[in-house]
Amino acid sequence: MEDVTLTQLFARMDAHLARQDVYLAEVTATLREQNAMMQATAQMLATTAQEVAVIHAEASLQHAATMQAFEALIDRLEGRGGDA
């Protein structure tokens, strides 16, 4: 094994740590980008959920009105209505 001075060992370690700093900076940047995309996606999903809730509420009201009209028609056809 070659003889390594303490100065050389520290220089190697500094170089290794510098490479690790670069790598970790890249990982951090990637994670920040992914976080931003996930926040945007979460906002879009929340907006979509609100829109779906409104559509569902409107459809439920329409369904209730249709069922009421359908029941009134059945009652009229069966002679149970007040008009017969």
PDB file of N, CA and C in Angstrom:
ATOM      1  N   MET A   1       0.846  -1.180   0.000  1.00  0.00           N
ATOM      2  CA  MET A   1       0.000   0.000   0.000  1.00  0.00           C
ATOM      3  C   MET A   1       0.891   1.242   0.000  1.00  0.00           C
ATOM      4  N   GLU A   2       0.469   2.203  -0.761  1.00  0.00           N
ATOM      5  CA  GLU A   2       1.299   3.407  -0.852  1.00  0.00           C
ATOM      6  C   GLU A   2       1.187   4.227   0.425  1.00  0.00           C
ATOM      7  N   ASP A   3       2.210   4.934   0.689  1.00  0.00           N
ATOM      8  CA  ASP A   3       2.195   5.818   1.854  1.00  0.00           C
ATOM      9  C   ASP A   3       1.397   7.068   1.522  1.00  0.00           C
ATOM     10  N   VAL A   4       0.455   7.394   2.387  1.00  0.00           N
ATOM     11  CA  VAL A   4      -0.392   8.560   2.177  1.00  0.00           C
ATOM     12  C   VAL A   4      -0.192   9.471   3.382  1.00  0.00           C
ATOM     13  N   THR A   5       0.092  10.692   3.059  1.00  0.00           N
ATOM     14  CA  THR A   5       0.256  11.660   4.148  1.00  0.00           C
ATOM     15  C   THR A   5      -1.111  12.113   4.617  1.00  0.00           C
ATOM     16  N   LEU A   6      -1.130  12.677   5.772  1.00  0.00           N
ATOM     17  CA  LEU A   6      -2.370  13.191   6.322  1.00  0.00           C
ATOM     18  C   LEU A   6      -2.942  14.287   5.425  1.00  0.00           C
ATOM     19  N   THR A   7      -2.081  15.096   4.856  1.00  0.00           N
ATOM     20  CA  THR A   7      -2.516  16.166   3.954  1.00  0.00           C
ATOM     21  C   THR A   7      -3.181  15.566   2.715  1.00  0.00           C
ATOM     22  N   GLN A   8      -2.592  14.499   2.162  1.00  0.00           N
ATOM     23  CA  GLN A   8      -3.180  13.850   0.986  1.00  0.00           C
ATOM     24  C   GLN A   8      -4.531  13.209   1.341  1.00  0.00           C
ATOM     25  N   LEU A   9      -4.595  12.611   2.497  1.00  0.00           N
ATOM     26  CA  LEU A   9      -5.845  11.984   2.940  1.00  0.00           C
ATOM     27  C   LEU A   9      -6.950  13.031   3.070  1.00  0.00           C
ATOM     28  N   PHE A  10      -6.614  14.162   3.676  1.00  0.00           N
ATOM     29  CA  PHE A  10      -7.608  15.227   3.805  1.00  0.00           C
ATOM     30  C   PHE A  10      -7.989  15.799   2.439  1.00  0.00           C
ATOM     31  N   ALA A  11      -7.031  15.883   1.530  1.00  0.00           N
ATOM     32  CA  ALA A  11      -7.331  16.383   0.184  1.00  0.00           C
ATOM     33  C   ALA A  11      -8.295  15.437  -0.525  1.00  0.00           C
ATOM     34  N   ARG A  12      -8.069  14.144  -0.400  1.00  0.00           N
ATOM     35  CA  ARG A  12      -8.981  13.157  -1.002  1.00  0.00           C
ATOM     36  C   ARG A  12     -10.374  13.260  -0.385  1.00  0.00           C
ATOM     37  N   MET A  13     -10.386  13.396   0.934  1.00  0.00           N
ATOM     38  CA  MET A  13     -11.667  13.500   1.619  1.00  0.00           C
ATOM     39  C   MET A  13     -12.402  14.775   1.203  1.00  0.00           C
ATOM     40  N   ASP A  14     -11.686  15.879   1.081  1.00  0.00           N
ATOM     41  CA  ASP A  14     -12.292  17.130   0.624  1.00  0.00           C
ATOM     42  C   ASP A  14     -12.869  16.971  -0.779  1.00  0.00           C
ATOM     43  N   ALA A  15     -12.133  16.301  -1.653  1.00  0.00           N
ATOM     44  CA  ALA A  15     -12.609  16.084  -3.022  1.00  0.00           C
ATOM     45  C   ALA A  15     -13.867  15.211  -3.012  1.00  0.00           C
ATOM     46  N   HIS A  16     -13.848  14.180  -2.197  1.00  0.00           N
ATOM     47  CA  HIS A  16     -15.015  13.301  -2.084  1.00  0.00           C
ATOM     48  C   HIS A  16     -16.221  14.092  -1.560  1.00  0.00           C
ATOM     49  N   LEU A  17     -16.008  14.879  -0.541  1.00  0.00           N
ATOM     50  CA  LEU A  17     -17.103  15.675   0.026  1.00  0.00           C
ATOM     51  C   LEU A  17     -17.616  16.711  -0.972  1.00  0.00           C
ATOM     52  N   ALA A  18     -16.742  17.267  -1.764  1.00  0.00           N
ATOM     53  CA  ALA A  18     -17.159  18.220  -2.800  1.00  0.00           C
ATOM     54  C   ALA A  18     -18.052  17.530  -3.826  1.00  0.00           C
ATOM     55  N   ARG A  19     -17.669  16.302  -4.218  1.00  0.00           N
ATOM     56  CA  ARG A  19     -18.505  15.539  -5.166  1.00  0.00           C
ATOM     57  C   ARG A  19     -19.861  15.220  -4.541  1.00  0.00           C
ATOM     58  N   GLN A  20     -19.837  14.859  -3.276  1.00  0.00           N
ATOM     59  CA  GLN A  20     -21.090  14.559  -2.581  1.00  0.00           C
ATOM     60  C   GLN A  20     -21.969  15.811  -2.492  1.00  0.00           C
ATOM     61  N   ASP A  21     -21.368  16.957  -2.250  1.00  0.00           N
ATOM     62  CA  ASP A  21     -22.128  18.213  -2.204  1.00  0.00           C
ATOM     63  C   ASP A  21     -22.824  18.476  -3.532  1.00  0.00           C
ATOM     64  N   VAL A  22     -22.109  18.265  -4.637  1.00  0.00           N
ATOM     65  CA  VAL A  22     -22.691  18.465  -5.965  1.00  0.00           C
ATOM     66  C   VAL A  22     -23.858  17.495  -6.173  1.00  0.00           C
ATOM     67  N   TYR A  23     -23.627  16.236  -5.845  1.00  0.00           N
ATOM     68  CA  TYR A  23     -24.663  15.217  -6.002  1.00  0.00           C
ATOM     69  C   TYR A  23     -25.894  15.561  -5.152  1.00  0.00           C
ATOM     70  N   LEU A  24     -25.677  15.911  -3.892  1.00  0.00           N
ATOM     71  CA  LEU A  24     -26.797  16.231  -3.008  1.00  0.00           C
ATOM     72  C   LEU A  24     -27.526  17.494  -3.448  1.00  0.00           C
ATOM     73  N   ALA A  25     -26.808  18.440  -4.018  1.00  0.00           N
ATOM     74  CA  ALA A  25     -27.452  19.642  -4.555  1.00  0.00           C
ATOM     75  C   ALA A  25     -28.371  19.273  -5.724  1.00  0.00           C
ATOM     76  N   GLU A  26     -27.923  18.349  -6.567  1.00  0.00           N
ATOM     77  CA  GLU A  26     -28.743  17.892  -7.690  1.00  0.00           C
ATOM     78  C   GLU A  26     -29.981  17.159  -7.182  1.00  0.00           C
ATOM     79  N   VAL A  27     -29.793  16.298  -6.191  1.00  0.00           N
ATOM     80  CA  VAL A  27     -30.926  15.568  -5.616  1.00  0.00           C
ATOM     81  C   VAL A  27     -31.921  16.546  -4.991  1.00  0.00           C
ATOM     82  N   THR A  28     -31.403  17.530  -4.269  1.00  0.00           N
ATOM     83  CA  THR A  28     -32.266  18.532  -3.641  1.00  0.00           C
ATOM     84  C   THR A  28     -33.053  19.310  -4.690  1.00  0.00           C
ATOM     85  N   ALA A  29     -32.400  19.694  -5.773  1.00  0.00           N
ATOM     86  CA  ALA A  29     -33.086  20.422  -6.845  1.00  0.00           C
ATOM     87  C   ALA A  29     -34.190  19.560  -7.457  1.00  0.00           C
ATOM     88  N   THR A  30     -33.888  18.292  -7.688  1.00  0.00           N
ATOM     89  CA  THR A  30     -34.889  17.378  -8.247  1.00  0.00           C
ATOM     90  C   THR A  30     -36.071  17.226  -7.308  1.00  0.00           C
ATOM     91  N   LEU A  31     -35.801  17.072  -6.023  1.00  0.00           N
ATOM     92  CA  LEU A  31     -36.882  16.930  -5.054  1.00  0.00           C
ATOM     93  C   LEU A  31     -37.732  18.194  -4.964  1.00  0.00           C
ATOM     94  N   ARG A  32     -37.112  19.342  -5.076  1.00  0.00           N
ATOM     95  CA  ARG A  32     -37.877  20.593  -5.057  1.00  0.00           C
ATOM     96  C   ARG A  32     -38.785  20.691  -6.279  1.00  0.00           C
ATOM     97  N   GLU A  33     -38.270  20.284  -7.440  1.00  0.00           N
ATOM     98  CA  GLU A  33     -39.090  20.293  -8.658  1.00  0.00           C
ATOM     99  C   GLU A  33     -40.264  19.332  -8.514  1.00  0.00           C
ATOM    100  N   GLN A  34     -39.986  18.137  -7.995  1.00  0.00           N
ATOM    101  CA  GLN A  34     -41.050  17.156  -7.813  1.00  0.00           C
ATOM    102  C   GLN A  34     -42.082  17.656  -6.802  1.00  0.00           C
ATOM    103  N   ASN A  35     -41.612  18.310  -5.769  1.00  0.00           N
ATOM    104  CA  ASN A  35     -42.530  18.865  -4.776  1.00  0.00           C
ATOM    105  C   ASN A  35     -43.437  19.909  -5.411  1.00  0.00           C
ATOM    106  N   ALA A  36     -42.876  20.767  -6.227  1.00  0.00           N
ATOM    107  CA  ALA A  36     -43.677  21.787  -6.907  1.00  0.00           C
ATOM    108  C   ALA A  36     -44.719  21.140  -7.812  1.00  0.00           C
ATOM    109  N   MET A  37     -44.317  20.094  -8.533  1.00  0.00           N
ATOM    110  CA  MET A  37     -45.262  19.402  -9.414  1.00  0.00           C
ATOM    111  C   MET A  37     -46.358  18.722  -8.595  1.00  0.00           C
ATOM    112  N   MET A  38     -45.983  18.139  -7.475  1.00  0.00           N
ATOM    113  CA  MET A  38     -46.978  17.469  -6.637  1.00  0.00           C
ATOM    114  C   MET A  38     -47.952  18.474  -6.033  1.00  0.00           C
ATOM    115  N   GLN A  39     -47.460  19.649  -5.653  1.00  0.00           N
ATOM    116  CA  GLN A  39     -48.355  20.680  -5.134  1.00  0.00           C
ATOM    117  C   GLN A  39     -49.324  21.144  -6.211  1.00  0.00           C
ATOM    118  N   ALA A  40     -48.831  21.314  -7.419  1.00  0.00           N
ATOM    119  CA  ALA A  40     -49.703  21.718  -8.532  1.00  0.00           C
ATOM    120  C   ALA A  40     -50.737  20.634  -8.813  1.00  0.00           C
ATOM    121  N   THR A  41     -50.301  19.386  -8.785  1.00  0.00           N
ATOM    122  CA  THR A  41     -51.220  18.267  -9.012  1.00  0.00           C
ATOM    123  C   THR A  41     -52.267  18.201  -7.910  1.00  0.00           C
ATOM    124  N   ALA A  42     -51.850  18.388  -6.674  1.00  0.00           N
ATOM    125  CA  ALA A  42     -52.789  18.376  -5.556  1.00  0.00           C
ATOM    126  C   ALA A  42     -53.828  19.488  -5.712  1.00  0.00           C
ATOM    127  N   GLN A  43     -53.395  20.643  -6.162  1.00  0.00           N
ATOM    128  CA  GLN A  43     -54.332  21.751  -6.369  1.00  0.00           C
ATOM    129  C   GLN A  43     -55.321  21.422  -7.484  1.00  0.00           C
ATOM    130  N   MET A  44     -54.821  20.825  -8.570  1.00  0.00           N
ATOM    131  CA  MET A  44     -55.716  20.442  -9.666  1.00  0.00           C
ATOM    132  C   MET A  44     -56.717  19.393  -9.194  1.00  0.00           C
ATOM    133  N   LEU A  45     -56.259  18.432  -8.391  1.00  0.00           N
ATOM    134  CA  LEU A  45     -57.165  17.401  -7.882  1.00  0.00           C
ATOM    135  C   LEU A  45     -58.208  17.997  -6.947  1.00  0.00           C
ATOM    136  N   ALA A  46     -57.808  18.949  -6.122  1.00  0.00           N
ATOM    137  CA  ALA A  46     -58.762  19.594  -5.216  1.00  0.00           C
ATOM    138  C   ALA A  46     -59.817  20.357  -6.017  1.00  0.00           C
ATOM    139  N   THR A  47     -59.385  21.056  -7.051  1.00  0.00           N
ATOM    140  CA  THR A  47     -60.317  21.790  -7.909  1.00  0.00           C
ATOM    141  C   THR A  47     -61.259  20.825  -8.612  1.00  0.00           C
ATOM    142  N   THR A  48     -60.706  19.731  -9.120  1.00  0.00           N
ATOM    143  CA  THR A  48     -61.535  18.724  -9.788  1.00  0.00           C
ATOM    144  C   THR A  48     -62.547  18.124  -8.825  1.00  0.00           C
ATOM    145  N   ALA A  49     -62.124  17.847  -7.593  1.00  0.00           N
ATOM    146  CA  ALA A  49     -63.037  17.291  -6.594  1.00  0.00           C
ATOM    147  C   ALA A  49     -64.189  18.255  -6.317  1.00  0.00           C
ATOM    148  N   GLN A  50     -63.887  19.547  -6.244  1.00  0.00           N
ATOM    149  CA  GLN A  50     -64.941  20.546  -6.034  1.00  0.00           C
ATOM    150  C   GLN A  50     -65.906  20.581  -7.215  1.00  0.00           C
ATOM    151  N   GLU A  51     -65.343  20.516  -8.428  1.00  0.00           N
ATOM    152  CA  GLU A  51     -66.193  20.541  -9.626  1.00  0.00           C
ATOM    153  C   GLU A  51     -67.077  19.300  -9.686  1.00  0.00           C
ATOM    154  N   VAL A  52     -66.509  18.149  -9.342  1.00  0.00           N
ATOM    155  CA  VAL A  52     -67.283  16.904  -9.353  1.00  0.00           C
ATOM    156  C   VAL A  52     -68.381  16.960  -8.293  1.00  0.00           C
ATOM    157  N   ALA A  53     -68.084  17.542  -7.139  1.00  0.00           N
ATOM    158  CA  ALA A  53     -69.100  17.662  -6.090  1.00  0.00           C
ATOM    159  C   ALA A  53     -70.270  18.522  -6.564  1.00  0.00           C
ATOM    160  N   VAL A  54     -69.974  19.603  -7.268  1.00  0.00           N
ATOM    161  CA  VAL A  54     -71.034  20.471  -7.796  1.00  0.00           C
ATOM    162  C   VAL A  54     -71.860  19.716  -8.839  1.00  0.00           C
ATOM    163  N   ILE A  55     -71.179  19.015  -9.741  1.00  0.00           N
ATOM    164  CA  ILE A  55     -71.880  18.240 -10.779  1.00  0.00           C
ATOM    165  C   ILE A  55     -72.744  17.169 -10.138  1.00  0.00           C
ATOM    166  N   HIS A  56     -72.200  16.501  -9.112  1.00  0.00           N
ATOM    167  CA  HIS A  56     -72.950  15.450  -8.425  1.00  0.00           C
ATOM    168  C   HIS A  56     -74.186  16.030  -7.739  1.00  0.00           C
ATOM    169  N   ALA A  57     -74.028  17.170  -7.092  1.00  0.00           N
ATOM    170  CA  ALA A  57     -75.168  17.802  -6.416  1.00  0.00           C
ATOM    171  C   ALA A  57     -76.252  18.171  -7.421  1.00  0.00           C
ATOM    172  N   GLU A  58     -75.851  18.743  -8.563  1.00  0.00           N
ATOM    173  CA  GLU A  58     -76.809  19.105  -9.601  1.00  0.00           C
ATOM    174  C   GLU A  58     -77.504  17.861 -10.161  1.00  0.00           C
ATOM    175  N   ALA A  59     -76.736  16.805 -10.381  1.00  0.00           N
ATOM    176  CA  ALA A  59     -77.312  15.568 -10.909  1.00  0.00           C
ATOM    177  C   ALA A  59     -78.270  14.948  -9.895  1.00  0.00           C
ATOM    178  N   SER A  60     -77.927  15.030  -8.613  1.00  0.00           N
ATOM    179  CA  SER A  60     -78.801  14.479  -7.578  1.00  0.00           C
ATOM    180  C   SER A  60     -80.122  15.234  -7.533  1.00  0.00           C
ATOM    181  N   LEU A  61     -80.054  16.560  -7.633  1.00  0.00           N
ATOM    182  CA  LEU A  61     -81.290  17.352  -7.659  1.00  0.00           C
ATOM    183  C   LEU A  61     -82.133  17.009  -8.881  1.00  0.00           C
ATOM    184  N   GLN A  62     -81.485  16.878 -10.024  1.00  0.00           N
ATOM    185  CA  GLN A  62     -82.204  16.533 -11.257  1.00  0.00           C
ATOM    186  C   GLN A  62     -82.829  15.144 -11.141  1.00  0.00           C
ATOM    187  N   HIS A  63     -82.082  14.213 -10.549  1.00  0.00           N
ATOM    188  CA  HIS A  63     -82.601  12.854 -10.358  1.00  0.00           C
ATOM    189  C   HIS A  63     -83.820  12.881  -9.447  1.00  0.00           C
ATOM    190  N   ALA A  64     -83.737  13.644  -8.353  1.00  0.00           N
ATOM    191  CA  ALA A  64     -84.864  13.735  -7.423  1.00  0.00           C
ATOM    192  C   ALA A  64     -86.086  14.317  -8.115  1.00  0.00           C
ATOM    193  N   ALA A  65     -85.873  15.361  -8.917  1.00  0.00           N
ATOM    194  CA  ALA A  65     -86.993  15.980  -9.637  1.00  0.00           C
ATOM    195  C   ALA A  65     -87.590  15.007 -10.654  1.00  0.00           C
ATOM    196  N   THR A  66     -86.739  14.276 -11.328  1.00  0.00           N
ATOM    197  CA  THR A  66     -87.206  13.298 -12.319  1.00  0.00           C
ATOM    198  C   THR A  66     -87.997  12.187 -11.640  1.00  0.00           C
ATOM    199  N   MET A  67     -87.490  11.701 -10.503  1.00  0.00           N
ATOM    200  CA  MET A  67     -88.191  10.636  -9.783  1.00  0.00           C
ATOM    201  C   MET A  67     -89.545  11.130  -9.277  1.00  0.00           C
ATOM    202  N   GLN A  68     -89.589  12.375  -8.807  1.00  0.00           N
ATOM    203  CA  GLN A  68     -90.859  12.936  -8.337  1.00  0.00           C
ATOM    204  C   GLN A  68     -91.863  13.032  -9.488  1.00  0.00           C
ATOM    205  N   ALA A  69     -91.400  13.496 -10.647  1.00  0.00           N
ATOM    206  CA  ALA A  69     -92.272  13.578 -11.820  1.00  0.00           C
ATOM    207  C   ALA A  69     -92.704  12.193 -12.272  1.00  0.00           C
ATOM    208  N   PHE A  70     -91.790  11.226 -12.215  1.00  0.00           N
ATOM    209  CA  PHE A  70     -92.093   9.853 -12.609  1.00  0.00           C
ATOM    210  C   PHE A  70     -93.145   9.255 -11.671  1.00  0.00           C
ATOM    211  N   GLU A  71     -92.987   9.477 -10.367  1.00  0.00           N
ATOM    212  CA  GLU A  71     -93.957   8.955  -9.398  1.00  0.00           C
ATOM    213  C   GLU A  71     -95.317   9.614  -9.590  1.00  0.00           C
ATOM    214  N   ALA A  72     -95.326  10.917  -9.886  1.00  0.00           N
ATOM    215  CA  ALA A  72     -96.591  11.614 -10.133  1.00  0.00           C
ATOM    216  C   ALA A  72     -97.266  11.056 -11.383  1.00  0.00           C
ATOM    217  N   LEU A  73     -96.488  10.761 -12.410  1.00  0.00           N
ATOM    218  CA  LEU A  73     -97.049  10.178 -13.630  1.00  0.00           C
ATOM    219  C   LEU A  73     -97.641   8.804 -13.352  1.00  0.00           C
ATOM    220  N   ILE A  74     -96.937   7.986 -12.598  1.00  0.00           N
ATOM    221  CA  ILE A  74     -97.444   6.648 -12.253  1.00  0.00           C
ATOM    222  C   ILE A  74     -98.746   6.786 -11.456  1.00  0.00           C
ATOM    223  N   ASP A  75     -98.738   7.697 -10.473  1.00  0.00           N
ATOM    224  CA  ASP A  75     -99.954   7.903  -9.685  1.00  0.00           C
ATOM    225  C   ASP A  75    -101.115   8.313 -10.576  1.00  0.00           C
ATOM    226  N   ARG A  76    -100.857   9.211 -11.521  1.00  0.00           N
ATOM    227  CA  ARG A  76    -101.920   9.680 -12.420  1.00  0.00           C
ATOM    228  C   ARG A  76    -102.409   8.553 -13.315  1.00  0.00           C
ATOM    229  N   LEU A  77    -101.465   7.759 -13.828  1.00  0.00           N
ATOM    230  CA  LEU A  77    -101.847   6.661 -14.719  1.00  0.00           C
ATOM    231  C   LEU A  77    -102.626   5.575 -13.950  1.00  0.00           C
ATOM    232  N   GLU A  78    -102.298   5.416 -12.683  1.00  0.00           N
ATOM    233  CA  GLU A  78    -103.001   4.404 -11.876  1.00  0.00           C
ATOM    234  C   GLU A  78    -104.250   4.975 -11.214  1.00  0.00           C
ATOM    235  N   GLY A  79    -104.534   6.236 -11.465  1.00  0.00           N
ATOM    236  CA  GLY A  79    -105.760   6.841 -10.942  1.00  0.00           C
ATOM    237  C   GLY A  79    -105.677   7.287  -9.505  1.00  0.00           C
ATOM    238  N   ARG A  80    -104.438   7.402  -8.992  1.00  0.00           N
ATOM    239  CA  ARG A  80    -104.288   7.820  -7.597  1.00  0.00           C
ATOM    240  C   ARG A  80    -104.126   9.316  -7.459  1.00  0.00           C
ATOM    241  N   GLY A  81    -103.984  10.007  -8.548  1.00  0.00           N
ATOM    242  CA  GLY A  81    -103.714  11.444  -8.491  1.00  0.00           C
ATOM    243  C   GLY A  81    -105.007  12.214  -8.224  1.00  0.00           C
ATOM    244  N   GLY A  82    -104.864  13.429  -7.844  1.00  0.00           N
ATOM    245  CA  GLY A  82    -106.015  14.281  -7.567  1.00  0.00           C
ATOM    246  C   GLY A  82    -106.743  14.710  -8.825  1.00  0.00           C
ATOM    247  N   ASP A  83    -106.128  14.537 -10.010  1.00  0.00           N
ATOM    248  CA  ASP A  83    -106.733  14.981 -11.271  1.00  0.00           C
ATOM    249  C   ASP A  83    -107.696  13.955 -11.833  1.00  0.00           C
ATOM    250  N   ALA A  84    -107.693  12.722 -11.358  1.00  0.00           N
ATOM    251  CA  ALA A  84    -108.481  11.651 -11.966  1.00  0.00           C
ATOM    252  C   ALA A  84    -109.922  11.679 -11.568  1.00  0.00           C
TER     253      ALA A  84
END
